[in-house]
Amino acid sequence: MSSEEETSQTSSSSMSPPSSSSTTAHFIGKKEEIVKAGRVTKLVNRCRDVLVLYHQGQLHAMDMRCYHAGGALQHGDIEEFNGRLCIVCPWHKYKITLEEGEGLYQAVDDPMAKPLRTYWRSKGVKQRIHKVTEVNGDVYVTLNDSSEAIESDTYQTERFRTGSLSAQPKPRK
């Protein structure tokens, strides 16, 4: 990770909540409480369910529900795949990178070759990642407001906030 990327993940140099004319930083909680809990979820700006997690000294934020079928990522394990930290969805074991929101899978070049040789490959960005900033022990999230549709956006509607996902029809891919 470059120092610029690291700064975008956590920063404590400013004395006031971070913001700009086009984005708003939303208070999530005290860093010490998030570190102690390991993960917190919060409805941000009354429109987005966000998971904020602390792992190996870093804060990360992403849409709370997995892009594949809406699984609750706050219950997923953090694992490393090919040198990249991922959250593993507890429902179907989809792997999502913490830094970019890419879906990873194991690919095979030649299924007939013995021994079978697999490698990790990206499906592209599937989970919306949000910017986390720390200011004087307070943690803020700035929502990723990219107009490009990302698959995890499917689960950011009132329909999925109020009902049980197990009763919801699963989107077809």
Protein backbone atom coordinates (compact mmCIF):
# COMPACT_ATOMS: atom_id res chain seq x y z
CA MET A 1 0.00 0.00 0.00
CA SER A 2 1.37 3.41 -0.89
CA SER A 3 1.60 6.12 1.76
CA GLU A 4 -1.07 8.10 -0.13
CA GLU A 5 -3.47 5.13 0.07
CA GLU A 6 -2.66 4.66 3.74
CA THR A 7 -3.45 8.31 4.41
CA SER A 8 -6.80 7.95 2.66
CA GLN A 9 -7.66 5.06 4.98
CA THR A 10 -6.82 6.77 8.26
CA SER A 11 -5.73 10.31 8.97
CA SER A 12 -5.46 12.27 12.19
CA SER A 13 -3.79 15.45 10.99
CA SER A 14 -6.92 17.62 10.82
CA MET A 15 -8.61 19.20 13.84
CA SER A 16 -12.17 19.16 12.42
CA PRO A 17 -14.35 16.56 10.70
CA PRO A 18 -13.20 16.04 7.10
CA SER A 19 -15.45 17.34 4.34
CA SER A 20 -15.44 19.03 0.99
CA SER A 21 -18.03 20.81 -1.10
CA SER A 22 -19.18 17.59 -2.80
CA THR A 23 -18.78 15.04 0.01
CA THR A 24 -19.74 14.79 3.65
CA ALA A 25 -17.96 12.82 6.32
CA HIS A 26 -20.32 10.99 8.67
CA PHE A 27 -19.38 10.31 12.28
CA ILE A 28 -19.25 6.55 12.98
CA GLY A 29 -17.85 6.44 16.50
CA LYS A 30 -14.76 6.63 18.63
CA LYS A 31 -11.76 4.74 17.26
CA GLU A 32 -11.10 3.03 20.61
CA GLU A 33 -14.66 1.63 20.60
CA ILE A 34 -14.36 0.40 16.99
CA VAL A 35 -10.97 -1.19 17.73
CA LYS A 36 -12.45 -2.93 20.78
CA ALA A 37 -15.52 -4.18 18.86
CA GLY A 38 -13.52 -5.01 15.72
CA ARG A 39 -16.54 -4.18 13.54
CA VAL A 40 -19.50 -1.85 13.64
CA THR A 41 -22.40 -1.33 11.28
CA LYS A 42 -24.22 1.93 10.81
CA LEU A 43 -26.92 3.38 8.60
CA VAL A 44 -25.14 6.38 7.08
CA ASN A 45 -26.99 9.39 5.69
CA ARG A 46 -30.28 7.44 6.10
CA CYS A 47 -29.49 5.64 2.85
CA ARG A 48 -26.50 3.31 3.18
CA ASP A 49 -25.76 0.39 5.52
CA VAL A 50 -22.01 0.50 6.09
CA LEU A 51 -19.65 -1.92 7.80
CA VAL A 52 -16.59 -0.33 9.42
CA LEU A 53 -13.94 -2.76 10.56
CA TYR A 54 -10.56 -2.60 12.19
CA HIS A 55 -7.97 -5.16 11.11
CA GLN A 56 -4.18 -5.18 11.49
CA GLY A 57 -4.04 -1.52 12.48
CA GLN A 58 -6.23 -0.31 9.59
CA LEU A 59 -9.82 0.92 9.40
CA HIS A 60 -11.89 -0.15 6.39
CA ALA A 61 -15.46 0.65 5.32
CA MET A 62 -17.72 -1.01 2.77
CA ASP A 63 -21.35 -1.73 2.08
CA MET A 64 -22.58 -4.03 4.83
CA ARG A 65 -24.26 -6.65 2.64
CA CYS A 66 -22.37 -8.92 0.24
CA TYR A 67 -22.81 -8.10 -3.43
CA HIS A 68 -23.68 -11.71 -4.29
CA ALA A 69 -26.80 -12.41 -2.20
CA GLY A 70 -26.88 -9.86 0.60
CA GLY A 71 -25.02 -11.84 3.26
CA ALA A 72 -24.15 -9.96 6.46
CA LEU A 73 -20.45 -9.21 6.03
CA GLN A 74 -20.05 -8.18 9.67
CA HIS A 75 -20.05 -11.92 10.43
CA GLY A 76 -17.41 -12.78 7.79
CA ASP A 77 -13.85 -13.86 8.50
CA ILE A 78 -10.87 -11.80 7.33
CA GLU A 79 -8.39 -13.90 5.35
CA GLU A 80 -5.49 -13.27 3.03
CA PHE A 81 -5.63 -14.55 -0.55
CA ASN A 82 -2.61 -14.07 -2.78
CA GLY A 83 -1.32 -11.33 -0.49
CA ARG A 84 -4.63 -9.42 -0.40
CA LEU A 85 -6.79 -9.05 2.69
CA CYS A 86 -10.39 -10.09 2.07
CA ILE A 87 -13.60 -10.45 3.99
CA VAL A 88 -15.23 -13.81 3.34
CA CYS A 89 -19.01 -13.72 3.16
CA PRO A 90 -20.46 -16.13 5.72
CA TRP A 91 -23.28 -17.23 3.40
CA HIS A 92 -21.53 -18.42 0.23
CA LYS A 93 -17.83 -17.81 0.99
CA TYR A 94 -17.38 -15.06 -1.60
CA LYS A 95 -14.05 -13.28 -1.12
CA ILE A 96 -14.04 -9.45 -1.25
CA THR A 97 -10.86 -7.37 -1.01
CA LEU A 98 -10.89 -4.83 1.81
CA GLU A 99 -9.02 -2.16 -0.16
CA GLU A 100 -10.80 -2.17 -3.53
CA GLY A 101 -14.00 -4.22 -3.11
CA GLU A 102 -12.96 -6.70 -5.80
CA GLY A 103 -14.49 -10.15 -5.86
CA LEU A 104 -11.79 -12.84 -6.00
CA TYR A 105 -12.13 -16.41 -7.23
CA GLN A 106 -9.86 -19.35 -8.00
CA ALA A 107 -9.31 -19.77 -11.71
CA VAL A 108 -7.81 -22.67 -13.69
CA ASP A 109 -6.09 -22.28 -17.06
CA ASP A 110 -6.27 -25.94 -18.06
CA PRO A 111 -8.80 -28.13 -16.20
CA MET A 112 -7.29 -31.24 -17.82
CA ALA A 113 -3.72 -30.61 -16.58
CA LYS A 114 -2.43 -32.79 -13.77
CA PRO A 115 -1.78 -31.56 -11.18
CA LEU A 116 -4.52 -28.95 -11.42
CA ARG A 117 -3.05 -25.46 -11.09
CA THR A 118 -5.26 -22.74 -9.67
CA TYR A 119 -4.63 -19.06 -9.08
CA TRP A 120 -6.59 -16.14 -7.64
CA ARG A 121 -8.27 -13.86 -10.14
CA SER A 122 -10.40 -10.72 -9.83
CA LYS A 123 -14.01 -10.44 -10.98
CA GLY A 124 -13.62 -6.66 -10.79
CA VAL A 125 -15.08 -4.27 -8.23
CA LYS A 126 -18.27 -5.74 -6.82
CA GLN A 127 -18.51 -4.18 -3.34
CA ARG A 128 -18.71 -0.42 -2.76
CA ILE A 129 -15.78 0.72 -0.58
CA HIS A 130 -16.02 3.97 1.41
CA LYS A 131 -13.30 6.30 2.69
CA VAL A 132 -12.49 6.14 6.41
CA THR A 133 -10.85 9.05 8.20
CA GLU A 134 -9.80 9.40 11.82
CA VAL A 135 -9.64 12.82 13.45
CA ASN A 136 -8.56 13.08 17.08
CA GLY A 137 -9.89 9.62 17.89
CA ASP A 138 -13.19 10.11 16.04
CA VAL A 139 -13.89 7.92 13.01
CA TYR A 140 -15.72 9.28 9.98
CA VAL A 141 -16.88 7.66 6.75
CA THR A 142 -17.24 9.51 3.47
CA LEU A 143 -19.55 7.59 1.19
CA ASN A 144 -18.26 6.54 -2.21
CA ASP A 145 -20.58 8.59 -4.41
CA SER A 146 -19.37 7.24 -7.74
CA SER A 147 -22.23 7.21 -10.23
CA GLU A 148 -20.97 3.91 -11.64
CA ALA A 149 -23.25 1.08 -10.49
CA ILE A 150 -21.59 -1.49 -8.25
CA GLU A 151 -23.28 -4.82 -7.52
CA SER A 152 -23.49 -4.27 -3.74
CA ASP A 153 -25.79 -1.29 -4.50
CA THR A 154 -28.59 -3.84 -5.02
CA TYR A 155 -28.85 -4.32 -1.25
CA GLN A 156 -28.96 -0.63 -0.36
CA THR A 157 -32.73 -0.21 -0.50
CA GLU A 158 -35.40 0.04 2.17
CA ARG A 159 -36.66 -3.38 1.08
CA PHE A 160 -33.50 -5.05 2.33
CA ARG A 161 -33.23 -2.90 5.48
CA THR A 162 -36.66 -3.78 6.85
CA GLY A 163 -37.15 -7.42 5.92
CA SER A 164 -35.33 -10.64 6.56
CA LEU A 165 -33.00 -11.41 3.69
CA SER A 166 -33.71 -15.12 4.03
CA ALA A 167 -37.30 -14.34 2.99
CA GLN A 168 -36.18 -12.12 0.09
CA PRO A 169 -35.88 -13.51 -3.42
CA LYS A 170 -32.26 -13.78 -4.47
CA PRO A 171 -31.19 -11.76 -7.52
CA ARG A 172 -30.16 -13.83 -10.51
CA LYS A 173 -26.72 -13.35 -12.02
